[in-house]
Amino acid sequence: DDEWYEIAGSEYYKNTTIKNYSLTYHKPASDKIPVPGTAFW
């Protein structure tokens, strides 16, 4: 419960890295059963 410090890896200071990024997932009303596509990928 003390302060956290981020390990600044090789990408930390690059302009392609976003700080204070926030993402929200929304729970679906029900699970969907997938339908296989035309190719496995």
All heavy atoms as atom14 arrays in JSON, in Angstrom:
{
  "sequence": "DDEWYEIAGSEYYKNTTIKNYSLTYHKPASDKIPVPGTAFW",
  "atom14_mask": [
    [1, 1, 1, 1, 1, 1, 1, 1, 0, 0, 0, 0, 0, 0],
    [1, 1, 1, 1, 1, 1, 1, 1, 0, 0, 0, 0, 0, 0],
    [1, 1, 1, 1, 1, 1, 1, 1, 1, 0, 0, 0, 0, 0],
    [1, 1, 1, 1, 1, 1, 1, 1, 1, 1, 1, 1, 1, 1],
    [1, 1, 1, 1, 1, 1, 1, 1, 1, 1, 1, 1, 0, 0],
    [1, 1, 1, 1, 1, 1, 1, 1, 1, 0, 0, 0, 0, 0],
    [1, 1, 1, 1, 1, 1, 1, 1, 0, 0, 0, 0, 0, 0],
    [1, 1, 1, 1, 1, 0, 0, 0, 0, 0, 0, 0, 0, 0],
    [1, 1, 1, 1, 0, 0, 0, 0, 0, 0, 0, 0, 0, 0],
    [1, 1, 1, 1, 1, 1, 0, 0, 0, 0, 0, 0, 0, 0],
    [1, 1, 1, 1, 1, 1, 1, 1, 1, 0, 0, 0, 0, 0],
    [1, 1, 1, 1, 1, 1, 1, 1, 1, 1, 1, 1, 0, 0],
    [1, 1, 1, 1, 1, 1, 1, 1, 1, 1, 1, 1, 0, 0],
    [1, 1, 1, 1, 1, 1, 1, 1, 1, 0, 0, 0, 0, 0],
    [1, 1, 1, 1, 1, 1, 1, 1, 0, 0, 0, 0, 0, 0],
    [1, 1, 1, 1, 1, 1, 1, 0, 0, 0, 0, 0, 0, 0],
    [1, 1, 1, 1, 1, 1, 1, 0, 0, 0, 0, 0, 0, 0],
    [1, 1, 1, 1, 1, 1, 1, 1, 0, 0, 0, 0, 0, 0],
    [1, 1, 1, 1, 1, 1, 1, 1, 1, 0, 0, 0, 0, 0],
    [1, 1, 1, 1, 1, 1, 1, 1, 0, 0, 0, 0, 0, 0],
    [1, 1, 1, 1, 1, 1, 1, 1, 1, 1, 1, 1, 0, 0],
    [1, 1, 1, 1, 1, 1, 0, 0, 0, 0, 0, 0, 0, 0],
    [1, 1, 1, 1, 1, 1, 1, 1, 0, 0, 0, 0, 0, 0],
    [1, 1, 1, 1, 1, 1, 1, 0, 0, 0, 0, 0, 0, 0],
    [1, 1, 1, 1, 1, 1, 1, 1, 1, 1, 1, 1, 0, 0],
    [1, 1, 1, 1, 1, 1, 1, 1, 1, 1, 0, 0, 0, 0],
    [1, 1, 1, 1, 1, 1, 1, 1, 1, 0, 0, 0, 0, 0],
    [1, 1, 1, 1, 1, 1, 1, 0, 0, 0, 0, 0, 0, 0],
    [1, 1, 1, 1, 1, 0, 0, 0, 0, 0, 0, 0, 0, 0],
    [1, 1, 1, 1, 1, 1, 0, 0, 0, 0, 0, 0, 0, 0],
    [1, 1, 1, 1, 1, 1, 1, 1, 0, 0, 0, 0, 0, 0],
    [1, 1, 1, 1, 1, 1, 1, 1, 1, 0, 0, 0, 0, 0],
    [1, 1, 1, 1, 1, 1, 1, 1, 0, 0, 0, 0, 0, 0],
    [1, 1, 1, 1, 1, 1, 1, 0, 0, 0, 0, 0, 0, 0],
    [1, 1, 1, 1, 1, 1, 1, 0, 0, 0, 0, 0, 0, 0],
    [1, 1, 1, 1, 1, 1, 1, 0, 0, 0, 0, 0, 0, 0],
    [1, 1, 1, 1, 0, 0, 0, 0, 0, 0, 0, 0, 0, 0],
    [1, 1, 1, 1, 1, 1, 1, 0, 0, 0, 0, 0, 0, 0],
    [1, 1, 1, 1, 1, 0, 0, 0, 0, 0, 0, 0, 0, 0],
    [1, 1, 1, 1, 1, 1, 1, 1, 1, 1, 1, 0, 0, 0],
    [1, 1, 1, 1, 1, 1, 1, 1, 1, 1, 1, 1, 1, 1]
  ],
  "atom14_positions": [
    [[0.82, -1.21, 0.0], [0.0, 0.0, 0.0], [0.85, 1.27, 0.0], [0.34, 2.36, 0.24], [-0.96, 0.0, 1.19], [-0.24, -0.05, 2.54], [1.0, -0.2, 2.55], [-0.93, 0.03, 3.58], [0.0, 0.0, 0.0], [0.0, 0.0, 0.0], [0.0, 0.0, 0.0], [0.0, 0.0, 0.0], [0.0, 0.0, 0.0], [0.0, 0.0, 0.0]],
    [[2.15, 1.14, -0.28], [3.02, 2.3, -0.42], [3.06, 2.73, -1.89], [2.42, 2.12, -2.75], [4.43, 1.97, 0.07], [4.47, 1.77, 1.58], [4.28, 2.76, 2.3], [4.68, 0.63, 2.03], [0.0, 0.0, 0.0], [0.0, 0.0, 0.0], [0.0, 0.0, 0.0], [0.0, 0.0, 0.0], [0.0, 0.0, 0.0], [0.0, 0.0, 0.0]],
    [[3.82, 3.75, -2.19], [3.89, 4.29, -3.54], [4.45, 3.27, -4.53], [5.39, 2.54, -4.22], [4.75, 5.55, -3.57], [4.81, 6.25, -4.91], [5.54, 7.58, -4.88], [5.99, 7.97, -3.79], [5.65, 8.23, -5.94], [0.0, 0.0, 0.0], [0.0, 0.0, 0.0], [0.0, 0.0, 0.0], [0.0, 0.0, 0.0], [0.0, 0.0, 0.0]],
    [[3.86, 3.25, -5.73], [4.34, 2.41, -6.81], [5.23, 3.23, -7.75], [4.97, 4.42, -7.98], [3.18, 1.82, -7.63], [2.43, 0.73, -6.92], [1.23, 0.83, -6.29], [2.83, -0.64, -6.79], [0.86, -0.38, -5.77], [1.82, -1.31, -6.06], [3.95, -1.35, -7.21], [1.9, -2.67, -5.75], [4.03, -2.71, -6.91], [3.02, -3.34, -6.19]],
    [[6.25, 2.57, -8.28], [7.16, 3.19, -9.24], [7.2, 2.32, -10.49], [7.35, 1.1, -10.41], [8.56, 3.32, -8.65], [8.6, 4.1, -7.36], [8.51, 3.45, -6.12], [8.7, 5.49, -7.37], [8.53, 4.17, -4.93], [8.73, 6.21, -6.18], [8.64, 5.54, -4.97], [8.65, 6.24, -3.79], [0.0, 0.0, 0.0], [0.0, 0.0, 0.0]],
    [[7.07, 2.95, -11.64], [7.08, 2.19, -12.89], [8.51, 1.93, -13.35], [9.37, 2.81, -13.28], [6.33, 2.96, -13.98], [6.23, 2.21, -15.31], [5.29, 2.87, -16.3], [4.38, 3.61, -15.87], [5.48, 2.66, -17.52], [0.0, 0.0, 0.0], [0.0, 0.0, 0.0], [0.0, 0.0, 0.0], [0.0, 0.0, 0.0], [0.0, 0.0, 0.0]],
    [[8.76, 0.72, -13.81], [10.03, 0.4, -14.46], [9.98, 1.01, -15.85], [9.17, 0.6, -16.69], [10.26, -1.12, -14.52], [10.43, -1.7, -13.11], [11.49, -1.43, -15.37], [11.63, -1.19, -12.34], [0.0, 0.0, 0.0], [0.0, 0.0, 0.0], [0.0, 0.0, 0.0], [0.0, 0.0, 0.0], [0.0, 0.0, 0.0], [0.0, 0.0, 0.0]],
    [[10.83, 2.01, -16.08], [10.84, 2.7, -17.37], [11.65, 1.88, -18.36], [12.87, 1.99, -18.44], [11.43, 4.1, -17.2], [0.0, 0.0, 0.0], [0.0, 0.0, 0.0], [0.0, 0.0, 0.0], [0.0, 0.0, 0.0], [0.0, 0.0, 0.0], [0.0, 0.0, 0.0], [0.0, 0.0, 0.0], [0.0, 0.0, 0.0], [0.0, 0.0, 0.0]],
    [[10.94, 1.03, -19.09], [11.59, 0.19, -20.09], [11.97, 1.0, -21.32], [11.87, 2.23, -21.35], [0.0, 0.0, 0.0], [0.0, 0.0, 0.0], [0.0, 0.0, 0.0], [0.0, 0.0, 0.0], [0.0, 0.0, 0.0], [0.0, 0.0, 0.0], [0.0, 0.0, 0.0], [0.0, 0.0, 0.0], [0.0, 0.0, 0.0], [0.0, 0.0, 0.0]],
    [[12.38, 0.29, -22.34], [12.92, 0.93, -23.55], [11.91, 1.83, -24.26], [12.3, 2.74, -25.0], [13.41, -0.14, -24.52], [12.36, -1.05, -24.85], [0.0, 0.0, 0.0], [0.0, 0.0, 0.0], [0.0, 0.0, 0.0], [0.0, 0.0, 0.0], [0.0, 0.0, 0.0], [0.0, 0.0, 0.0], [0.0, 0.0, 0.0], [0.0, 0.0, 0.0]],
    [[10.61, 1.63, -24.03], [9.58, 2.4, -24.74], [9.05, 3.57, -23.92], [8.23, 4.36, -24.43], [8.42, 1.48, -25.12], [8.81, 0.2, -25.83], [9.68, 0.45, -27.04], [9.19, 1.05, -28.0], [10.87, 0.04, -27.01], [0.0, 0.0, 0.0], [0.0, 0.0, 0.0], [0.0, 0.0, 0.0], [0.0, 0.0, 0.0], [0.0, 0.0, 0.0]],
    [[9.47, 3.69, -22.68], [8.83, 4.63, -21.76], [8.86, 6.07, -22.27], [7.87, 6.81, -22.17], [9.48, 4.54, -20.38], [8.83, 5.43, -19.36], [7.7, 5.01, -18.67], [9.33, 6.71, -19.08], [7.08, 5.84, -17.73], [8.72, 7.53, -18.14], [7.6, 7.09, -17.47], [6.99, 7.91, -16.55], [0.0, 0.0, 0.0], [0.0, 0.0, 0.0]],
    [[10.0, 6.51, -22.8], [10.16, 7.91, -23.19], [9.81, 8.18, -24.66], [9.96, 9.32, -25.13], [11.59, 8.37, -22.91], [11.95, 8.32, -21.43], [12.7, 7.27, -20.92], [11.5, 9.3, -20.56], [13.02, 7.22, -19.56], [11.81, 9.26, -19.2], [12.57, 8.21, -18.71], [12.88, 8.15, -17.38], [0.0, 0.0, 0.0], [0.0, 0.0, 0.0]],
    [[9.33, 7.19, -25.38], [9.0, 7.38, -26.8], [7.62, 8.02, -26.95], [6.73, 7.81, -26.13], [9.05, 6.04, -27.52], [10.45, 5.43, -27.58], [10.46, 4.14, -28.37], [11.88, 3.56, -28.45], [11.93, 2.28, -29.2], [0.0, 0.0, 0.0], [0.0, 0.0, 0.0], [0.0, 0.0, 0.0], [0.0, 0.0, 0.0], [0.0, 0.0, 0.0]],
    [[7.46, 8.8, -28.02], [6.18, 9.48, -28.22], [5.07, 8.54, -28.66], [3.9, 8.95, -28.76], [6.33, 10.64, -29.22], [6.85, 10.17, -30.57], [6.84, 8.99, -30.89], [7.32, 11.12, -31.38], [0.0, 0.0, 0.0], [0.0, 0.0, 0.0], [0.0, 0.0, 0.0], [0.0, 0.0, 0.0], [0.0, 0.0, 0.0], [0.0, 0.0, 0.0]],
    [[5.4, 7.27, -28.93], [4.37, 6.29, -29.26], [3.75, 5.66, -28.02], [2.77, 4.92, -28.11], [4.98, 5.17, -30.13], [6.14, 4.64, -29.47], [5.38, 5.7, -31.49], [0.0, 0.0, 0.0], [0.0, 0.0, 0.0], [0.0, 0.0, 0.0], [0.0, 0.0, 0.0], [0.0, 0.0, 0.0], [0.0, 0.0, 0.0], [0.0, 0.0, 0.0]],
    [[4.33, 5.96, -26.84], [3.83, 5.43, -25.58], [2.9, 6.45, -24.94], [3.24, 7.63, -24.85], [4.99, 5.09, -24.64], [5.8, 4.08, -25.25], [4.5, 4.6, -23.3], [0.0, 0.0, 0.0], [0.0, 0.0, 0.0], [0.0, 0.0, 0.0], [0.0, 0.0, 0.0], [0.0, 0.0, 0.0], [0.0, 0.0, 0.0], [0.0, 0.0, 0.0]],
    [[1.72, 6.0, -24.5], [0.72, 6.88, -23.93], [0.7, 6.71, -22.42], [0.48, 5.61, -21.91], [-0.68, 6.59, -24.51], [-0.67, 6.76, -26.02], [-1.72, 7.51, -23.87], [-1.98, 6.36, -26.69], [0.0, 0.0, 0.0], [0.0, 0.0, 0.0], [0.0, 0.0, 0.0], [0.0, 0.0, 0.0], [0.0, 0.0, 0.0], [0.0, 0.0, 0.0]],
    [[0.93, 7.81, -21.69], [0.82, 7.79, -20.23], [-0.62, 8.13, -19.82], [-1.35, 8.79, -20.56], [1.77, 8.81, -19.61], [3.22, 8.75, -20.12], [3.91, 7.45, -19.79], [5.42, 7.57, -19.97], [5.82, 8.05, -21.3], [0.0, 0.0, 0.0], [0.0, 0.0, 0.0], [0.0, 0.0, 0.0], [0.0, 0.0, 0.0], [0.0, 0.0, 0.0]],
    [[-1.02, 7.7, -18.64], [-2.36, 7.97, -18.12], [-3.44, 7.51, -19.09], [-4.47, 8.17, -19.27], [-2.53, 9.46, -17.8], [-1.52, 9.95, -16.78], [-1.32, 9.32, -15.75], [-0.85, 11.05, -17.09], [0.0, 0.0, 0.0], [0.0, 0.0, 0.0], [0.0, 0.0, 0.0], [0.0, 0.0, 0.0], [0.0, 0.0, 0.0], [0.0, 0.0, 0.0]],
    [[-3.2, 6.38, -19.7], [-4.17, 5.77, -20.61], [-5.22, 5.05, -19.78], [-4.92, 4.42, -18.76], [-3.46, 4.79, -21.52], [-4.36, 4.06, -22.5], [-4.8, 4.69, -23.65], [-4.73, 2.74, -22.28], [-5.61, 4.02, -24.56], [-5.54, 2.06, -23.18], [-5.98, 2.71, -24.32], [-6.78, 2.05, -25.22], [0.0, 0.0, 0.0], [0.0, 0.0, 0.0]],
    [[-6.48, 5.14, -20.21], [-7.57, 4.47, -19.5], [-8.46, 3.75, -20.5], [-8.83, 4.32, -21.54], [-8.38, 5.5, -18.7], [-9.39, 4.87, -17.94], [0.0, 0.0, 0.0], [0.0, 0.0, 0.0], [0.0, 0.0, 0.0], [0.0, 0.0, 0.0], [0.0, 0.0, 0.0], [0.0, 0.0, 0.0], [0.0, 0.0, 0.0], [0.0, 0.0, 0.0]],
    [[-8.8, 2.5, -20.2], [-9.63, 1.69, -21.09], [-10.72, 1.01, -20.27], [-10.46, 0.49, -19.18], [-8.78, 0.64, -21.82], [-9.49, -0.24, -22.84], [-8.56, -0.57, -24.0], [-9.99, -1.54, -22.2], [0.0, 0.0, 0.0], [0.0, 0.0, 0.0], [0.0, 0.0, 0.0], [0.0, 0.0, 0.0], [0.0, 0.0, 0.0], [0.0, 0.0, 0.0]],
    [[-11.94, 1.02, -20.79], [-13.08, 0.42, -20.12], [-13.67, -0.69, -20.98], [-13.95, -0.48, -22.18], [-14.17, 1.46, -19.81], [-13.63, 2.45, -18.94], [-15.38, 0.8, -19.14], [0.0, 0.0, 0.0], [0.0, 0.0, 0.0], [0.0, 0.0, 0.0], [0.0, 0.0, 0.0], [0.0, 0.0, 0.0], [0.0, 0.0, 0.0], [0.0, 0.0, 0.0]],
    [[-13.85, -1.87, -20.39], [-14.53, -2.99, -21.03], [-15.98, -3.03, -20.52], [-16.23, -2.8, -19.34], [-13.86, -4.32, -20.67], [-12.41, -4.43, -21.06], [-11.4, -4.13, -20.15], [-12.04, -4.86, -22.33], [-10.07, -4.24, -20.48], [-10.7, -4.98, -22.69], [-9.72, -4.67, -21.75], [-8.39, -4.78, -22.09], [0.0, 0.0, 0.0], [0.0, 0.0, 0.0]],
    [[-16.91, -3.36, -21.42], [-18.32, -3.4, -21.06], [-18.82, -4.85, -21.15], [-18.72, -5.48, -22.21], [-19.13, -2.5, -21.99], [-18.7, -1.07, -21.94], [-19.12, -0.19, -20.97], [-17.82, -0.38, -22.73], [-18.54, 0.99, -21.17], [-17.75, 0.9, -22.23], [0.0, 0.0, 0.0], [0.0, 0.0, 0.0], [0.0, 0.0, 0.0], [0.0, 0.0, 0.0]],
    [[-19.32, -5.34, -20.04], [-19.77, -6.72, -19.97], [-20.97, -6.94, -20.89], [-21.95, -6.18, -20.82], [-20.14, -7.08, -18.53], [-20.46, -8.55, -18.32], [-20.69, -8.85, -16.85], [-20.92, -10.33, -16.61], [-21.1, -10.62, -15.17], [0.0, 0.0, 0.0], [0.0, 0.0, 0.0], [0.0, 0.0, 0.0], [0.0, 0.0, 0.0], [0.0, 0.0, 0.0]],
    [[-20.94, -7.96, -21.75], [-22.07, -8.21, -22.64], [-23.27, -8.76, -21.86], [-23.1, -9.33, -20.77], [-21.52, -9.25, -23.62], [-20.46, -9.96, -22.85], [-19.85, -8.92, -21.94], [0.0, 0.0, 0.0], [0.0, 0.0, 0.0], [0.0, 0.0, 0.0], [0.0, 0.0, 0.0], [0.0, 0.0, 0.0], [0.0, 0.0, 0.0], [0.0, 0.0, 0.0]],
    [[-24.46, -8.58, -22.44], [-25.67, -9.09, -21.78], [-25.63, -10.6, -21.64], [-26.12, -11.16, -20.66], [-26.9, -8.65, -22.56], [0.0, 0.0, 0.0], [0.0, 0.0, 0.0], [0.0, 0.0, 0.0], [0.0, 0.0, 0.0], [0.0, 0.0, 0.0], [0.0, 0.0, 0.0], [0.0, 0.0, 0.0], [0.0, 0.0, 0.0], [0.0, 0.0, 0.0]],
    [[-25.04, -11.27, -22.62], [-24.9, -12.73, -22.57], [-23.74, -13.14, -23.45], [-23.37, -12.42, -24.38], [-26.19, -13.42, -23.03], [-26.46, -13.1, -24.39], [0.0, 0.0, 0.0], [0.0, 0.0, 0.0], [0.0, 0.0, 0.0], [0.0, 0.0, 0.0], [0.0, 0.0, 0.0], [0.0, 0.0, 0.0], [0.0, 0.0, 0.0], [0.0, 0.0, 0.0]],
    [[-23.18, -14.31, -23.15], [-22.08, -14.81, -23.98], [-22.6, -15.2, -25.35], [-23.7, -15.75, -25.49], [-21.44, -16.04, -23.33], [-20.66, -15.65, -22.08], [-20.22, -14.5, -22.01], [-20.52, -16.51, -21.19], [0.0, 0.0, 0.0], [0.0, 0.0, 0.0], [0.0, 0.0, 0.0], [0.0, 0.0, 0.0], [0.0, 0.0, 0.0], [0.0, 0.0, 0.0]],
    [[-21.81, -14.93, -26.37], [-22.17, -15.29, -27.73], [-21.39, -16.54, -28.13], [-20.23, -16.69, -27.8], [-21.84, -14.16, -28.7], [-22.59, -12.86, -28.39], [-22.16, -11.76, -29.34], [-22.87, -10.46, -29.02], [-22.46, -9.37, -29.95], [0.0, 0.0, 0.0], [0.0, 0.0, 0.0], [0.0, 0.0, 0.0], [0.0, 0.0, 0.0], [0.0, 0.0, 0.0]],
    [[-22.02, -17.42, -28.82], [-21.35, -18.61, -29.33], [-20.77, -18.27, -30.7], [-21.5, -17.87, -31.61], [-22.31, -19.8, -29.45], [-22.96, -20.09, -28.11], [-21.57, -21.02, -29.98], [-21.99, -20.41, -27.0], [0.0, 0.0, 0.0], [0.0, 0.0, 0.0], [0.0, 0.0, 0.0], [0.0, 0.0, 0.0], [0.0, 0.0, 0.0], [0.0, 0.0, 0.0]],
    [[-19.46, -18.38, -30.88], [-18.85, -17.98, -32.14], [-19.22, -18.9, -33.3], [-19.43, -20.09, -33.13], [-17.35, -18.05, -31.85], [-17.25, -19.06, -30.75], [-18.48, -18.89, -29.93], [0.0, 0.0, 0.0], [0.0, 0.0, 0.0], [0.0, 0.0, 0.0], [0.0, 0.0, 0.0], [0.0, 0.0, 0.0], [0.0, 0.0, 0.0], [0.0, 0.0, 0.0]],
    [[-19.31, -18.31, -34.45], [-19.55, -19.06, -35.68], [-18.24, -19.14, -36.44], [-17.64, -18.11, -36.75], [-20.61, -18.37, -36.55], [-20.81, -19.12, -37.85], [-21.92, -18.25, -35.79], [0.0, 0.0, 0.0], [0.0, 0.0, 0.0], [0.0, 0.0, 0.0], [0.0, 0.0, 0.0], [0.0, 0.0, 0.0], [0.0, 0.0, 0.0], [0.0, 0.0, 0.0]],
    [[-17.74, -20.35, -36.73], [-16.45, -20.47, -37.41], [-16.42, -19.68, -38.71], [-17.38, -19.64, -39.47], [-16.33, -21.98, -37.65], [-17.18, -22.59, -36.59], [-18.34, -21.66, -36.41], [0.0, 0.0, 0.0], [0.0, 0.0, 0.0], [0.0, 0.0, 0.0], [0.0, 0.0, 0.0], [0.0, 0.0, 0.0], [0.0, 0.0, 0.0], [0.0, 0.0, 0.0]],
    [[-15.28, -19.01, -38.95], [-15.1, -18.26, -40.18], [-14.71, -19.18, -41.32], [-14.65, -20.4, -41.2], [0.0, 0.0, 0.0], [0.0, 0.0, 0.0], [0.0, 0.0, 0.0], [0.0, 0.0, 0.0], [0.0, 0.0, 0.0], [0.0, 0.0, 0.0], [0.0, 0.0, 0.0], [0.0, 0.0, 0.0], [0.0, 0.0, 0.0], [0.0, 0.0, 0.0]],
    [[-14.39, -18.59, -42.45], [-14.05, -19.37, -43.63], [-12.61, -19.86, -43.58], [-12.24, -20.73, -44.35], [-14.25, -18.54, -44.89], [-13.46, -17.35, -44.78], [-15.71, -18.15, -45.05], [0.0, 0.0, 0.0], [0.0, 0.0, 0.0], [0.0, 0.0, 0.0], [0.0, 0.0, 0.0], [0.0, 0.0, 0.0], [0.0, 0.0, 0.0], [0.0, 0.0, 0.0]],
    [[-11.79, -19.28, -42.69], [-10.4, -19.73, -42.54], [-10.06, -19.69, -41.05], [-10.6, -18.9, -40.3], [-9.45, -18.83, -43.33], [0.0, 0.0, 0.0], [0.0, 0.0, 0.0], [0.0, 0.0, 0.0], [0.0, 0.0, 0.0], [0.0, 0.0, 0.0], [0.0, 0.0, 0.0], [0.0, 0.0, 0.0], [0.0, 0.0, 0.0], [0.0, 0.0, 0.0]],
    [[-9.13, -20.55, -40.62], [-8.89, -20.73, -39.19], [-8.35, -19.49, -38.51], [-8.47, -19.33, -37.31], [-7.94, -21.91, -38.96], [-6.51, -21.6, -39.28], [-5.65, -21.12, -38.31], [-6.01, -21.8, -40.55], [-4.33, -20.86, -38.6], [-4.7, -21.53, -40.85], [-3.85, -21.05, -39.87], [0.0, 0.0, 0.0], [0.0, 0.0, 0.0], [0.0, 0.0, 0.0]],
    [[-7.77, -18.55, -39.31], [-7.15, -17.41, -38.67], [-8.09, -16.2, -38.58], [-7.73, -15.17, -38.08], [-5.89, -16.99, -39.42], [-6.09, -16.61, -40.84], [-6.53, -15.42, -41.32], [-5.86, -17.44, -41.97], [-6.59, -15.44, -42.68], [-6.17, -16.68, -43.12], [-5.4, -18.75, -42.14], [-6.06, -17.2, -44.41], [-5.28, -19.26, -43.42], [-5.61, -18.49, -44.53]]
  ]
}
